[in-house]
């Protein structure tokens, strides 16, 4: 059979093929999302290792064991949400910030030492 030859199936054959494909797909487990390492978070979000460890709870870090030095893993979506201020999309938060009037800052005067 060459590449130009078309394969013709009857309606009954197509239905049988669809049923077989549905059975095969039903047994396939969905891929679990890959977890990010500390290094992955550093590279992806351009932050330091120290910052990742200091903010691990906020980023949803999961320890892979009971040890104090057990490695940490992170879900990419959760880290991205934590890195986004107030969990808002960037465009919305920028527009809202521009629309919100700012209060004037109070000036804090420091005492002068004359002695």
N, C-alpha and C. Protein backbone atom coordinates (compact mmCIF):
# COMPACT_ATOMS: atom_id res chain seq x y z
N UNK A 1 0.85 -1.17 0.00
CA UNK A 1 0.00 0.00 0.00
C UNK A 1 0.90 1.24 0.00
N UNK A 2 0.68 2.15 -0.91
CA UNK A 2 1.49 3.37 -1.00
C UNK A 2 0.85 4.48 -0.16
N UNK A 3 1.56 5.57 -0.02
CA UNK A 3 1.08 6.70 0.78
C UNK A 3 -0.14 7.35 0.15
N UNK A 4 -0.30 7.22 -1.15
CA UNK A 4 -1.43 7.85 -1.84
C UNK A 4 -2.70 7.01 -1.77
N UNK A 5 -2.58 5.73 -1.39
CA UNK A 5 -3.76 4.88 -1.30
C UNK A 5 -4.56 5.23 -0.05
N UNK A 6 -5.85 5.46 -0.23
CA UNK A 6 -6.73 5.80 0.89
C UNK A 6 -7.29 4.53 1.48
N UNK A 7 -7.43 4.51 2.79
CA UNK A 7 -8.01 3.37 3.50
C UNK A 7 -9.49 3.66 3.69
N UNK A 8 -10.31 2.73 3.26
CA UNK A 8 -11.75 2.92 3.37
C UNK A 8 -12.30 1.93 4.38
N UNK A 9 -13.05 2.44 5.36
CA UNK A 9 -13.66 1.58 6.38
C UNK A 9 -15.17 1.79 6.36
N UNK A 10 -15.87 0.73 6.66
CA UNK A 10 -17.33 0.84 6.74
C UNK A 10 -17.69 1.49 8.07
N UNK A 11 -18.93 1.90 8.22
CA UNK A 11 -19.40 2.50 9.48
C UNK A 11 -19.22 1.52 10.63
N UNK A 12 -19.49 0.26 10.38
CA UNK A 12 -19.34 -0.76 11.42
C UNK A 12 -17.87 -0.89 11.84
N UNK A 13 -16.95 -0.86 10.89
CA UNK A 13 -15.53 -0.94 11.19
C UNK A 13 -15.06 0.30 11.95
N UNK A 14 -15.54 1.47 11.55
CA UNK A 14 -15.17 2.70 12.25
C UNK A 14 -15.66 2.70 13.69
N UNK A 15 -16.90 2.21 13.90
CA UNK A 15 -17.44 2.13 15.26
C UNK A 15 -16.64 1.16 16.11
N UNK A 16 -16.26 0.04 15.54
CA UNK A 16 -15.46 -0.96 16.27
C UNK A 16 -14.10 -0.38 16.62
N UNK A 17 -13.48 0.32 15.67
CA UNK A 17 -12.20 0.96 15.91
C UNK A 17 -12.31 2.01 17.02
N UNK A 18 -13.37 2.80 16.99
CA UNK A 18 -13.59 3.81 18.03
C UNK A 18 -13.75 3.16 19.39
N UNK A 19 -14.49 2.05 19.46
CA UNK A 19 -14.67 1.34 20.73
C UNK A 19 -13.34 0.82 21.26
N UNK A 20 -12.53 0.25 20.38
CA UNK A 20 -11.23 -0.28 20.80
C UNK A 20 -10.31 0.84 21.30
N UNK A 21 -10.31 1.97 20.61
CA UNK A 21 -9.51 3.11 21.06
C UNK A 21 -9.98 3.64 22.41
N UNK A 22 -11.30 3.69 22.60
CA UNK A 22 -11.85 4.16 23.87
C UNK A 22 -11.42 3.25 25.01
N UNK A 23 -11.42 1.95 24.78
CA UNK A 23 -10.98 1.00 25.81
C UNK A 23 -9.51 1.20 26.15
N UNK A 24 -8.68 1.36 25.13
CA UNK A 24 -7.25 1.57 25.37
C UNK A 24 -7.00 2.87 26.14
N UNK A 25 -7.69 3.94 25.75
CA UNK A 25 -7.50 5.23 26.41
C UNK A 25 -8.01 5.22 27.84
N UNK A 26 -9.02 4.43 28.12
CA UNK A 26 -9.57 4.35 29.48
C UNK A 26 -8.55 3.75 30.45
N UNK A 27 -7.64 2.93 29.94
CA UNK A 27 -6.65 2.28 30.80
C UNK A 27 -5.37 3.08 30.95
N UNK A 28 -5.25 4.17 30.21
CA UNK A 28 -4.07 5.02 30.29
C UNK A 28 -4.25 6.00 31.44
N UNK A 29 -3.29 6.01 32.36
CA UNK A 29 -3.35 6.94 33.48
C UNK A 29 -2.88 8.31 33.02
N UNK A 30 -3.55 9.37 33.49
CA UNK A 30 -3.07 10.71 33.13
C UNK A 30 -1.70 10.96 33.75
N UNK A 31 -0.87 11.65 33.03
CA UNK A 31 0.47 11.95 33.53
C UNK A 31 0.36 12.90 34.72
N UNK A 32 1.07 12.59 35.77
CA UNK A 32 1.09 13.49 36.93
C UNK A 32 2.02 14.65 36.61
N UNK A 33 1.68 15.84 37.05
CA UNK A 33 2.55 16.98 36.74
C UNK A 33 3.90 16.81 37.43
N UNK A 34 4.94 17.14 36.72
CA UNK A 34 6.29 17.05 37.27
C UNK A 34 6.45 18.10 38.38
N UNK A 35 7.10 17.72 39.42
CA UNK A 35 7.36 18.64 40.52
C UNK A 35 8.69 19.34 40.25
N UNK A 36 8.76 20.61 40.62
CA UNK A 36 9.97 21.40 40.43
C UNK A 36 10.91 21.22 41.61
N UNK A 37 12.19 21.18 41.32
CA UNK A 37 13.21 21.18 42.37
C UNK A 37 13.48 22.62 42.79
N UNK A 38 14.26 22.80 43.83
CA UNK A 38 14.64 24.14 44.27
C UNK A 38 15.37 24.85 43.13
N UNK A 39 16.26 24.13 42.47
CA UNK A 39 17.01 24.71 41.35
C UNK A 39 16.09 25.11 40.21
N UNK A 40 15.07 24.29 39.92
CA UNK A 40 14.09 24.63 38.87
C UNK A 40 13.38 25.94 39.20
N UNK A 41 12.98 26.09 40.46
CA UNK A 41 12.28 27.32 40.89
C UNK A 41 13.22 28.52 40.74
N UNK A 42 14.49 28.34 41.12
CA UNK A 42 15.48 29.43 41.01
C UNK A 42 15.62 29.89 39.57
N UNK A 43 15.77 28.93 38.66
CA UNK A 43 15.99 29.26 37.25
C UNK A 43 14.73 29.84 36.62
N UNK A 44 13.59 29.19 36.86
CA UNK A 44 12.34 29.60 36.23
C UNK A 44 11.89 30.98 36.69
N UNK A 45 12.01 31.25 37.99
CA UNK A 45 11.48 32.50 38.54
C UNK A 45 12.56 33.51 38.90
N UNK A 46 13.81 33.20 38.57
CA UNK A 46 14.95 34.09 38.77
C UNK A 46 15.06 34.59 40.20
N UNK A 47 15.10 33.64 41.11
CA UNK A 47 15.28 33.95 42.52
C UNK A 47 16.43 33.10 43.06
N UNK A 48 16.95 33.49 44.21
CA UNK A 48 18.08 32.76 44.79
C UNK A 48 17.61 31.52 45.54
N UNK A 49 18.54 30.60 45.76
CA UNK A 49 18.24 29.38 46.54
C UNK A 49 17.79 29.76 47.95
N UNK A 50 18.50 30.72 48.55
CA UNK A 50 18.16 31.14 49.91
C UNK A 50 16.73 31.66 49.95
N UNK A 51 16.32 32.44 48.94
CA UNK A 51 14.97 32.98 48.91
C UNK A 51 13.94 31.86 48.80
N UNK A 52 14.23 30.85 47.98
CA UNK A 52 13.30 29.72 47.83
C UNK A 52 13.12 29.00 49.16
N UNK A 53 14.22 28.73 49.86
CA UNK A 53 14.12 28.05 51.15
C UNK A 53 13.39 28.91 52.18
N UNK A 54 13.66 30.21 52.19
CA UNK A 54 12.99 31.11 53.15
C UNK A 54 11.49 31.19 52.89
N UNK A 55 11.06 31.03 51.65
CA UNK A 55 9.66 31.16 51.27
C UNK A 55 9.03 29.84 50.87
N UNK A 56 9.63 28.73 51.25
CA UNK A 56 9.15 27.41 50.83
C UNK A 56 7.70 27.16 51.23
N UNK A 57 7.30 27.55 52.42
CA UNK A 57 5.92 27.33 52.86
C UNK A 57 4.95 28.13 51.99
N UNK A 58 5.28 29.38 51.71
CA UNK A 58 4.42 30.23 50.88
C UNK A 58 4.31 29.70 49.46
N UNK A 59 5.39 29.07 48.97
CA UNK A 59 5.42 28.53 47.61
C UNK A 59 4.81 27.13 47.51
N UNK A 60 4.42 26.56 48.66
CA UNK A 60 3.82 25.23 48.66
C UNK A 60 4.84 24.11 48.61
N UNK A 61 6.01 24.34 49.16
CA UNK A 61 7.07 23.33 49.16
C UNK A 61 6.67 22.08 49.92
N UNK A 62 7.03 20.93 49.37
CA UNK A 62 6.73 19.64 49.99
C UNK A 62 8.05 18.92 50.23
N UNK A 63 8.30 18.53 51.49
CA UNK A 63 9.52 17.79 51.82
C UNK A 63 9.34 16.33 51.43
N UNK A 64 10.37 15.75 50.84
CA UNK A 64 10.32 14.35 50.43
C UNK A 64 10.96 13.46 51.49
N UNK A 65 10.48 13.56 52.70
CA UNK A 65 11.00 12.73 53.78
C UNK A 65 10.95 13.47 55.09
N UNK A 66 11.18 12.74 56.19
CA UNK A 66 11.09 13.35 57.51
C UNK A 66 12.34 14.11 57.94
N UNK A 67 13.44 13.88 57.29
CA UNK A 67 14.70 14.50 57.67
C UNK A 67 14.65 16.01 57.51
N UNK A 68 15.45 16.71 58.35
CA UNK A 68 15.56 18.15 58.22
C UNK A 68 16.11 18.56 56.87
N UNK A 69 16.95 17.70 56.31
CA UNK A 69 17.61 18.00 55.04
C UNK A 69 16.94 17.31 53.86
N UNK A 70 15.71 16.85 54.04
CA UNK A 70 14.99 16.19 52.94
C UNK A 70 14.80 17.19 51.80
N UNK A 71 14.90 16.72 50.55
CA UNK A 71 14.73 17.63 49.42
C UNK A 71 13.31 18.18 49.34
N UNK A 72 13.20 19.38 48.79
CA UNK A 72 11.90 20.03 48.59
C UNK A 72 11.48 19.92 47.14
N UNK A 73 10.16 19.83 46.93
CA UNK A 73 9.59 19.85 45.58
C UNK A 73 8.42 20.82 45.58
N UNK A 74 8.14 21.39 44.41
CA UNK A 74 7.11 22.41 44.28
C UNK A 74 6.26 22.15 43.04
N UNK A 75 4.96 22.47 43.11
CA UNK A 75 4.09 22.44 41.94
C UNK A 75 4.25 23.77 41.21
N UNK A 76 4.49 23.71 39.91
CA UNK A 76 4.76 24.92 39.13
C UNK A 76 3.61 25.92 39.22
N UNK A 77 2.37 25.44 39.12
CA UNK A 77 1.22 26.36 39.16
C UNK A 77 1.12 27.08 40.50
N UNK A 78 1.38 26.34 41.57
CA UNK A 78 1.28 26.95 42.90
C UNK A 78 2.38 27.99 43.12
N UNK A 79 3.58 27.69 42.62
CA UNK A 79 4.68 28.65 42.75
C UNK A 79 4.35 29.90 41.93
N UNK A 80 3.86 29.71 40.72
CA UNK A 80 3.52 30.85 39.87
C UNK A 80 2.46 31.71 40.52
N UNK A 81 1.46 31.08 41.14
CA UNK A 81 0.40 31.83 41.82
C UNK A 81 0.97 32.60 43.01
N UNK A 82 1.89 31.99 43.74
CA UNK A 82 2.48 32.66 44.90
C UNK A 82 3.39 33.81 44.48
N UNK A 83 4.00 33.70 43.32
CA UNK A 83 4.89 34.75 42.83
C UNK A 83 4.11 35.94 42.28
N UNK A 84 2.86 35.73 41.92
CA UNK A 84 2.02 36.80 41.37
C UNK A 84 1.37 37.55 42.52
N UNK A 85 1.59 38.84 42.66
CA UNK A 85 1.04 39.58 43.79
C UNK A 85 -0.47 39.45 43.90
N UNK A 86 -0.93 39.11 45.05
CA UNK A 86 -2.35 38.97 45.36
C UNK A 86 -3.07 37.95 44.49
N UNK A 87 -2.33 37.08 43.81
CA UNK A 87 -2.94 36.03 43.00
C UNK A 87 -3.70 36.54 41.80
N UNK A 88 -3.45 37.78 41.38
CA UNK A 88 -4.15 38.35 40.23
C UNK A 88 -3.29 38.24 38.99
N UNK A 89 -3.90 38.17 37.82
CA UNK A 89 -3.11 38.24 36.59
C UNK A 89 -2.39 39.58 36.51
N UNK A 90 -1.23 39.61 35.88
CA UNK A 90 -0.41 40.83 35.84
C UNK A 90 -1.15 42.02 35.25
N UNK A 91 -1.86 41.83 34.16
CA UNK A 91 -2.54 42.95 33.50
C UNK A 91 -3.60 43.57 34.40
N UNK A 92 -4.36 42.74 35.09
CA UNK A 92 -5.41 43.24 35.96
C UNK A 92 -4.82 44.01 37.12
N UNK A 93 -3.82 43.45 37.78
CA UNK A 93 -3.27 44.12 38.95
C UNK A 93 -2.62 45.44 38.56
N UNK A 94 -1.97 45.49 37.39
CA UNK A 94 -1.35 46.74 36.95
C UNK A 94 -2.42 47.79 36.69
N UNK A 95 -3.49 47.41 36.00
CA UNK A 95 -4.57 48.35 35.70
C UNK A 95 -5.24 48.84 36.98
N UNK A 96 -5.46 47.93 37.91
CA UNK A 96 -6.10 48.32 39.17
C UNK A 96 -5.20 49.23 39.98
N UNK A 97 -3.89 48.95 39.98
CA UNK A 97 -2.97 49.80 40.72
C UNK A 97 -2.93 51.20 40.15
N UNK A 98 -2.99 51.32 38.82
CA UNK A 98 -2.96 52.64 38.19
C UNK A 98 -4.25 53.41 38.46
N UNK A 99 -5.38 52.70 38.59
CA UNK A 99 -6.67 53.35 38.80
C UNK A 99 -6.86 53.77 40.26
N UNK A 100 -6.14 53.17 41.18
CA UNK A 100 -6.29 53.46 42.59
C UNK A 100 -5.43 54.66 42.97
N UNK A 101 -6.04 55.72 43.50
CA UNK A 101 -5.23 56.89 43.89
C UNK A 101 -4.38 56.55 45.11
N UNK A 102 -3.21 57.11 45.15
CA UNK A 102 -2.30 56.86 46.26
C UNK A 102 -2.48 57.91 47.34
N UNK A 103 -2.36 57.47 48.58
CA UNK A 103 -2.36 58.41 49.69
C UNK A 103 -0.98 59.01 49.82
N UNK A 104 -0.90 60.26 50.20
CA UNK A 104 0.44 60.85 50.38
C UNK A 104 1.14 60.19 51.57
N UNK A 105 2.42 59.99 51.43
CA UNK A 105 3.19 59.38 52.51
C UNK A 105 3.48 60.42 53.59
N UNK A 106 3.44 59.95 54.82
CA UNK A 106 3.80 60.83 55.93
C UNK A 106 5.31 60.91 56.01
N UNK A 107 5.78 62.09 56.27
CA UNK A 107 7.22 62.27 56.39
C UNK A 107 7.62 61.99 57.82
N UNK A 108 8.62 61.15 57.96
CA UNK A 108 9.14 60.83 59.29
C UNK A 108 10.43 61.61 59.50
N UNK A 109 10.40 62.47 60.48
CA UNK A 109 11.57 63.27 60.79
C UNK A 109 12.38 62.59 61.90
N UNK A 110 13.65 62.57 61.70
CA UNK A 110 14.53 61.97 62.69
C UNK A 110 15.13 63.08 63.55
N UNK A 111 15.23 62.87 64.84
CA UNK A 111 15.81 63.91 65.70
C UNK A 111 17.28 64.14 65.35
N UNK A 112 17.67 65.35 65.48
CA UNK A 112 19.06 65.73 65.19
C UNK A 112 19.82 65.75 66.52
N UNK A 113 20.95 65.15 66.56
CA UNK A 113 21.77 65.15 67.77
C UNK A 113 22.77 66.28 67.72
N UNK A 114 22.71 67.15 68.71
CA UNK A 114 23.61 68.31 68.74
C UNK A 114 24.81 68.11 69.67
N UNK A 115 24.89 67.01 70.32
CA UNK A 115 25.86 66.88 71.38
C UNK A 115 27.12 66.33 71.01
